[in-house]
Amino acid sequence: MRLEKIGLAMGMAAAIAAALLPGCKNEKTNETIKNADASALEKAIDAKKAKAEESSKPAEFDISAIPVSTATLGDFPYISLPPGYMSNGEPETKRFARFPFWVKAQAHWVEGRFYLVNVYPDEEGEYNPYELLRNLEAQVEQIGGSKVSDEHIPYETVNGWGEEITMGFLKGLGDVYSEDVKVKTYLVRRNDGNIWIHFAQGTTQGGIIVGQEKAFQQTAQLLPASEIKKQLDAVGKVALQVNFATDKTDVLPDSLPQIEQVAALLKDDPSLKLAINGHTDNTGDAAHNQQLSEERAKAVVVLLTGKGIDAARLSAAGFGSARPVADNGTGEGKAKNRRVELVKR
């Protein structure tokens, strides 16, 4: 009788377990399905988000998609202001510099020659942004160009370019800090040097920068120590064409060998003392040029003392544009006026 009760109890337990197990199995299966559905949904959301982010990115700029222009060109800068508009002061030219043309939310750095101009109406209150735009675009079309960008440059981006751009290209840059000003960029693709145009205008004035790509050509000719000594002995001074970064005091790498030759001369003649005098052309503000020439002269002294020359044998002074040696009305003349002179003390 006891055995029968035990058997009956075991049978009932087995029956209960059999009844419960399918439920447990179903619950686990349902949970697995739910997890799989959630994972699939999450992946679908991520994929959709990634696709949206990808589609929101600006398309990469493909310069090869721009047709090559074979139009006959006039003189650089190839465009002119329409009647009723004028420059605020003389337009500025740069024989060789670099500038970041804004294309597809990215800076496209161009090296070459540049033309900068601020545009104002002849008569106050007569500025017509649409008229100026139509005139500019008509000229771009005539020389075979295309508009490649029309966007606002972020404030942080402009600031990040530093004074090389914000000050060096002040004339022509336009009010790029204003949220209301979009920068239009045009490109004339040419086999003899692409032409880029930056145009930024507000309601009362505009700024235009024209740049034509040009490979760097060294203009500073190396004078060996022997030639420097020869000129110092003959006339007491010698002019060196030392290249500096635009509107800065940094001596460019191509001019460092020239500094080496000056240091070699001073080491060969321990009794020689030199005044290092900085000079600029007449572009820009006279007070600024004065300070720049002084700082550039000091920069040369620093380089020489760094090569073991006693600072007591050197002095630095700047004269801005006050002592030109050539005509500032030509590019060649300006280049000669931007110089560092060594004067025997």
Protein backbone atom coordinates (compact mmCIF):
# COMPACT_ATOMS: atom_id res chain seq x y z
CA MET A 1 0.00 0.00 0.00
CA ARG A 2 2.87 2.35 0.86
CA LEU A 3 4.59 1.53 -2.40
CA GLU A 4 1.43 2.30 -4.32
CA LYS A 5 1.18 5.71 -2.65
CA ILE A 6 4.83 6.46 -3.47
CA GLY A 7 4.29 5.41 -7.06
CA LEU A 8 1.15 7.49 -7.29
CA ALA A 9 3.01 10.50 -5.90
CA MET A 10 5.83 10.06 -8.35
CA GLY A 11 3.39 9.75 -11.20
CA MET A 12 1.63 12.93 -10.18
CA ALA A 13 4.98 14.78 -9.89
CA ALA A 14 5.94 13.61 -13.37
CA ALA A 15 2.60 14.71 -14.74
CA ILE A 16 2.91 18.13 -13.13
CA ALA A 17 6.48 18.49 -14.48
CA ALA A 18 5.33 17.44 -17.93
CA ALA A 19 2.57 20.00 -17.76
CA LEU A 20 4.85 22.77 -16.59
CA LEU A 21 7.85 22.18 -18.92
CA PRO A 22 6.13 23.23 -22.14
CA GLY A 23 5.19 26.50 -20.45
CA CYS A 24 8.75 27.11 -19.36
CA LYS A 25 9.99 26.25 -22.84
CA ASN A 26 7.47 28.61 -24.42
CA GLU A 27 8.45 31.44 -22.08
CA LYS A 28 12.13 31.01 -23.01
CA THR A 29 11.27 30.85 -26.69
CA ASN A 30 9.13 33.98 -26.45
CA GLU A 31 11.91 35.79 -24.61
CA THR A 32 14.42 34.76 -27.30
CA ILE A 33 12.09 36.01 -30.03
CA LYS A 34 11.59 39.29 -28.20
CA ASN A 35 15.37 39.78 -27.84
CA ALA A 36 15.94 38.97 -31.50
CA ASP A 37 13.22 41.41 -32.55
CA ALA A 38 14.70 44.15 -30.35
CA SER A 39 18.18 43.51 -31.74
CA ALA A 40 16.90 43.60 -35.32
CA LEU A 41 14.98 46.81 -34.61
CA GLU A 42 18.05 48.40 -33.03
CA LYS A 43 20.17 47.43 -36.04
CA ALA A 44 17.58 48.83 -38.40
CA ILE A 45 17.50 52.12 -36.47
CA ASP A 46 21.32 52.32 -36.49
CA ALA A 47 21.41 51.59 -40.22
CA LYS A 48 18.80 54.25 -40.92
CA LYS A 49 20.68 56.76 -38.76
CA ALA A 50 23.98 55.99 -40.49
CA LYS A 51 22.32 56.38 -43.89
CA ALA A 52 20.84 59.72 -42.85
CA GLU A 53 24.23 60.94 -41.59
CA GLU A 54 25.90 59.81 -44.80
CA SER A 55 23.32 61.55 -46.96
CA SER A 56 23.70 64.75 -44.92
CA LYS A 57 27.46 64.90 -45.59
CA PRO A 58 28.43 67.26 -48.40
CA ALA A 59 29.54 65.54 -51.56
CA GLU A 60 33.30 65.38 -52.08
CA PHE A 61 34.56 68.03 -54.46
CA ASP A 62 35.71 66.47 -57.74
CA ILE A 63 37.70 69.02 -59.69
CA SER A 64 37.85 66.69 -62.69
CA ALA A 65 34.09 67.20 -63.10
CA ILE A 66 34.68 70.89 -63.94
CA PRO A 67 35.22 71.44 -67.67
CA VAL A 68 38.58 72.87 -68.74
CA SER A 69 38.33 76.43 -70.04
CA THR A 70 40.17 77.44 -73.21
CA ALA A 71 38.74 80.97 -73.28
CA THR A 72 41.05 83.81 -74.24
CA LEU A 73 41.99 85.76 -71.13
CA GLY A 74 42.93 89.38 -70.66
CA ASP A 75 45.27 90.59 -67.96
CA PHE A 76 45.22 89.23 -64.41
CA PRO A 77 42.89 89.35 -62.41
CA TYR A 78 40.63 88.79 -65.47
CA ILE A 79 37.59 90.51 -63.89
CA SER A 80 36.68 94.15 -63.29
CA LEU A 81 34.17 96.10 -61.22
CA PRO A 82 31.05 97.31 -63.04
CA PRO A 83 30.29 101.04 -63.41
CA GLY A 84 29.01 102.52 -60.14
CA TYR A 85 31.36 100.48 -57.94
CA MET A 86 34.86 101.14 -56.69
CA SER A 87 37.60 99.76 -54.50
CA ASN A 88 38.10 101.00 -50.95
CA GLY A 89 41.63 102.20 -51.61
CA GLU A 90 43.93 100.55 -54.12
CA PRO A 91 43.32 96.83 -54.75
CA GLU A 92 46.09 94.67 -53.32
CA THR A 93 48.14 92.09 -55.22
CA LYS A 94 50.30 89.28 -53.87
CA ARG A 95 52.97 87.86 -56.12
CA PHE A 96 52.96 84.56 -54.21
CA ALA A 97 50.84 83.50 -51.25
CA ARG A 98 48.25 80.90 -50.27
CA PHE A 99 44.54 81.12 -49.50
CA PRO A 100 41.82 78.62 -48.44
CA PHE A 101 38.99 78.78 -50.99
CA TRP A 102 35.85 77.34 -49.38
CA VAL A 103 34.38 74.42 -51.36
CA LYS A 104 31.86 71.81 -50.16
CA ALA A 105 32.36 72.67 -46.46
CA GLN A 106 36.14 72.31 -46.76
CA ALA A 107 39.09 74.62 -47.29
CA HIS A 108 40.82 74.10 -50.63
CA TRP A 109 44.26 75.69 -50.20
CA VAL A 110 45.64 77.36 -53.29
CA GLU A 111 49.18 78.68 -53.80
CA GLY A 112 49.87 81.30 -56.41
CA ARG A 113 49.32 84.97 -57.17
CA PHE A 114 46.37 86.91 -55.76
CA TYR A 115 44.27 90.01 -56.26
CA LEU A 116 42.23 91.43 -53.35
CA VAL A 117 39.61 94.15 -53.46
CA ASN A 118 36.89 95.56 -51.21
CA VAL A 119 33.88 96.70 -53.25
CA TYR A 120 31.86 99.80 -52.41
CA PRO A 121 29.33 101.88 -54.40
CA ASP A 122 30.43 105.19 -55.91
CA GLU A 123 27.59 106.84 -54.03
CA GLU A 124 26.55 105.98 -50.48
CA GLY A 125 23.39 103.90 -50.28
CA GLU A 126 23.61 102.78 -53.91
CA TYR A 127 25.05 99.31 -53.24
CA ASN A 128 23.05 96.66 -55.11
CA PRO A 129 24.14 93.10 -54.15
CA TYR A 130 22.16 91.46 -56.94
CA GLU A 131 23.56 93.76 -59.62
CA LEU A 132 27.13 93.15 -58.49
CA LEU A 133 26.55 89.38 -58.33
CA ARG A 134 25.10 89.24 -61.85
CA ASN A 135 28.02 91.24 -63.24
CA LEU A 136 30.59 89.01 -61.55
CA GLU A 137 28.92 85.79 -62.66
CA ALA A 138 28.63 87.06 -66.23
CA GLN A 139 32.40 87.67 -66.28
CA VAL A 140 33.11 84.24 -64.75
CA GLU A 141 30.95 82.64 -67.44
CA GLN A 142 32.80 84.55 -70.18
CA ILE A 143 36.14 83.09 -69.10
CA GLY A 144 34.71 79.58 -68.83
CA GLY A 145 34.23 79.33 -65.07
CA SER A 146 31.66 77.67 -62.82
CA LYS A 147 30.28 78.27 -59.33
CA VAL A 148 31.47 75.39 -57.13
CA SER A 149 30.23 76.48 -53.71
CA ASP A 150 27.77 78.83 -51.98
CA GLU A 151 27.93 78.41 -48.20
CA HIS A 152 28.69 80.07 -44.90
CA ILE A 153 32.14 79.45 -43.41
CA PRO A 154 31.93 78.53 -39.70
CA TYR A 155 33.28 81.20 -37.36
CA GLU A 156 35.65 78.74 -35.68
CA THR A 157 37.11 77.73 -39.03
CA VAL A 158 37.92 81.29 -40.05
CA ASN A 159 39.53 82.00 -36.67
CA GLY A 160 41.58 78.84 -37.00
CA TRP A 161 43.27 80.17 -40.14
CA GLY A 162 45.03 82.81 -38.06
CA GLU A 163 46.43 86.18 -39.09
CA GLU A 164 48.04 84.78 -42.23
CA ILE A 165 44.53 84.83 -43.71
CA THR A 166 42.38 87.07 -41.49
CA MET A 167 44.91 89.91 -41.70
CA GLY A 168 46.93 89.00 -44.77
CA PHE A 169 43.77 88.83 -46.91
CA LEU A 170 41.74 91.42 -45.00
CA LYS A 171 41.14 93.41 -48.16
CA GLY A 172 38.93 91.11 -50.19
CA LEU A 173 37.95 88.64 -47.46
CA GLY A 174 34.56 90.25 -46.78
CA ASP A 175 32.50 89.88 -43.61
CA VAL A 176 32.89 86.10 -43.41
CA TYR A 177 32.15 86.23 -39.66
CA SER A 178 28.53 87.18 -40.27
CA GLU A 179 25.99 84.34 -40.27
CA ASP A 180 24.08 86.19 -43.00
CA VAL A 181 27.01 86.20 -45.45
CA LYS A 182 27.53 83.21 -47.68
CA VAL A 183 30.79 82.84 -49.54
CA LYS A 184 30.48 82.06 -53.22
CA THR A 185 33.43 80.26 -54.78
CA TYR A 186 34.03 80.08 -58.52
CA LEU A 187 36.56 78.03 -60.44
CA VAL A 188 37.96 78.51 -63.91
CA ARG A 189 39.78 75.25 -64.57
CA ARG A 190 42.70 75.81 -66.93
CA ASN A 191 45.77 73.94 -68.08
CA ASP A 192 47.91 77.04 -67.53
CA GLY A 193 46.80 77.48 -63.89
CA ASN A 194 43.35 77.22 -62.33
CA ILE A 195 41.69 80.52 -61.42
CA TRP A 196 39.74 80.67 -58.15
CA ILE A 197 37.39 83.46 -57.07
CA HIS A 198 36.14 84.10 -53.51
CA PHE A 199 33.16 86.45 -53.31
CA ALA A 200 31.53 87.50 -50.03
CA GLN A 201 29.06 90.35 -49.84
CA GLY A 202 26.62 91.85 -47.40
CA THR A 203 24.07 94.61 -47.94
CA THR A 204 26.54 97.51 -48.08
CA GLN A 205 29.86 96.12 -49.39
CA GLY A 206 31.56 93.09 -50.84
CA GLY A 207 34.95 91.40 -50.94
CA ILE A 208 36.59 89.64 -53.86
CA ILE A 209 39.74 87.50 -53.91
CA VAL A 210 41.07 86.15 -57.20
CA GLY A 211 43.82 83.56 -57.04
CA GLN A 212 45.60 81.79 -59.87
CA GLU A 213 47.47 78.62 -59.09
CA LYS A 214 51.18 78.91 -59.68
CA ALA A 215 54.05 76.67 -58.67
CA PHE A 216 56.47 78.19 -56.19
CA GLN A 217 59.57 79.68 -57.77
CA GLN A 218 62.43 80.68 -55.52
CA THR A 219 63.05 84.41 -55.72
CA ALA A 220 65.65 84.76 -52.97
CA GLN A 221 69.05 84.20 -54.58
CA LEU A 222 71.70 82.74 -52.32
CA LEU A 223 74.69 85.01 -51.76
CA PRO A 224 77.68 82.98 -50.54
CA ALA A 225 79.70 84.30 -47.60
CA SER A 226 82.49 85.40 -49.95
CA GLU A 227 80.14 87.59 -52.01
CA ILE A 228 78.59 89.11 -48.86
CA LYS A 229 82.10 90.00 -47.61
CA LYS A 230 83.01 91.48 -51.00
CA GLN A 231 80.00 93.84 -50.99
CA LEU A 232 80.45 94.79 -47.34
CA ASP A 233 84.11 95.68 -47.96
CA ALA A 234 83.19 97.67 -51.08
CA VAL A 235 80.14 99.68 -50.00
CA GLY A 236 79.60 98.79 -46.35
CA LYS A 237 76.25 97.06 -46.85
CA VAL A 238 74.54 94.27 -48.75
CA ALA A 239 70.85 93.53 -49.42
CA LEU A 240 69.52 89.98 -48.98
CA GLN A 241 66.19 88.77 -50.32
CA VAL A 242 64.98 86.82 -47.29
CA ASN A 243 61.52 85.26 -47.64
CA PHE A 244 59.15 85.48 -44.66
CA ALA A 245 55.70 84.00 -44.12
CA THR A 246 52.98 86.40 -45.28
CA ASP A 247 52.63 89.27 -42.78
CA LYS A 248 54.70 87.31 -40.23
CA THR A 249 58.25 87.16 -38.90
CA ASP A 250 58.88 83.48 -39.66
CA VAL A 251 61.77 83.01 -42.10
CA LEU A 252 60.70 80.50 -44.75
CA PRO A 253 62.80 77.32 -45.16
CA ASP A 254 64.08 78.36 -48.61
CA SER A 255 65.90 81.34 -47.00
CA LEU A 256 67.59 79.44 -44.17
CA PRO A 257 70.65 78.58 -46.30
CA GLN A 258 71.18 82.33 -46.74
CA ILE A 259 71.20 82.80 -42.97
CA GLU A 260 73.80 80.00 -42.79
CA GLN A 261 76.07 81.97 -45.15
CA VAL A 262 75.80 85.09 -42.97
CA ALA A 263 76.66 83.03 -39.90
CA ALA A 264 79.65 81.51 -41.74
CA LEU A 265 80.92 85.00 -42.61
CA LEU A 266 80.68 86.16 -39.00
CA LYS A 267 82.49 83.06 -37.79
CA ASP A 268 85.27 83.57 -40.34
CA ASP A 269 85.75 87.20 -39.22
CA PRO A 270 85.32 87.43 -35.41
CA SER A 271 85.87 91.21 -35.48
CA LEU A 272 82.96 91.87 -37.87
CA LYS A 273 79.87 93.52 -36.40
CA LEU A 274 76.63 93.91 -38.36
CA ALA A 275 73.45 95.94 -38.17
CA ILE A 276 70.50 93.86 -39.42
CA ASN A 277 67.95 96.24 -40.99
CA GLY A 278 64.48 95.20 -42.11
CA HIS A 279 62.58 96.86 -44.97
CA THR A 280 59.10 96.35 -46.51
CA ASP A 281 57.26 97.57 -49.59
CA ASN A 282 54.50 100.18 -49.23
CA THR A 283 51.56 97.75 -49.18
CA GLY A 284 49.27 98.29 -46.19
CA ASP A 285 49.50 100.50 -43.13
CA ALA A 286 52.80 102.36 -42.62
CA ALA A 287 52.84 101.84 -38.83
CA HIS A 288 52.21 98.12 -39.28
CA ASN A 289 55.00 97.86 -41.86
CA GLN A 290 57.37 99.65 -39.50
CA GLN A 291 56.70 97.18 -36.71
CA LEU A 292 56.84 94.21 -39.08
CA SER A 293 60.24 95.28 -40.44
CA GLU A 294 61.62 95.63 -36.90
CA GLU A 295 60.34 92.22 -35.84
CA ARG A 296 61.71 90.57 -38.98
CA ALA A 297 65.15 92.06 -38.37
CA LYS A 298 65.03 90.73 -34.81
CA ALA A 299 64.01 87.30 -36.13
CA VAL A 300 67.17 87.19 -38.27
CA VAL A 301 69.28 88.15 -35.25
CA VAL A 302 67.69 85.33 -33.24
CA LEU A 303 68.55 82.82 -35.96
CA LEU A 304 72.17 84.01 -36.08
CA THR A 305 72.63 83.92 -32.31
CA GLY A 306 71.14 80.43 -32.40
CA LYS A 307 74.05 79.45 -34.64
CA GLY A 308 76.59 80.60 -32.07
CA ILE A 309 77.06 84.26 -33.03
CA ASP A 310 77.53 86.61 -30.05
CA ALA A 311 74.48 88.90 -29.78
CA ALA A 312 76.78 91.82 -28.93
CA ARG A 313 78.07 91.75 -32.51
CA LEU A 314 74.57 92.28 -33.92
CA SER A 315 71.88 94.95 -33.79
CA ALA A 316 68.37 94.98 -35.29
CA ALA A 317 66.33 97.87 -36.69
CA GLY A 318 63.33 98.31 -38.98
CA PHE A 319 62.55 101.07 -41.46
CA GLY A 320 59.23 99.91 -42.90
CA SER A 321 58.72 101.29 -46.42
CA ALA A 322 60.64 104.54 -45.75
CA ARG A 323 63.77 103.55 -47.73
CA PRO A 324 62.71 101.97 -51.04
CA VAL A 325 65.35 100.93 -53.54
CA ALA A 326 62.88 100.35 -56.41
CA ASP A 327 59.51 101.51 -57.71
CA ASN A 328 56.68 100.34 -55.43
CA GLY A 329 54.32 100.71 -58.38
CA THR A 330 55.41 97.38 -59.87
CA GLY A 331 55.49 93.85 -58.50
CA GLU A 332 59.21 93.55 -59.26
CA GLY A 333 59.88 96.81 -57.44
CA LYS A 334 57.94 95.72 -54.38
CA ALA A 335 59.89 92.46 -54.29
CA LYS A 336 63.21 94.37 -54.24
CA ASN A 337 61.98 96.66 -51.48
CA ARG A 338 61.10 93.71 -49.25
CA ARG A 339 64.61 93.01 -48.07
CA VAL A 340 67.00 92.55 -45.18
CA GLU A 341 70.14 94.68 -45.29
CA LEU A 342 73.39 93.88 -43.55
CA VAL A 343 75.28 97.06 -42.68
CA LYS A 344 78.89 97.01 -41.47
CA ARG A 345 79.25 98.65 -38.04
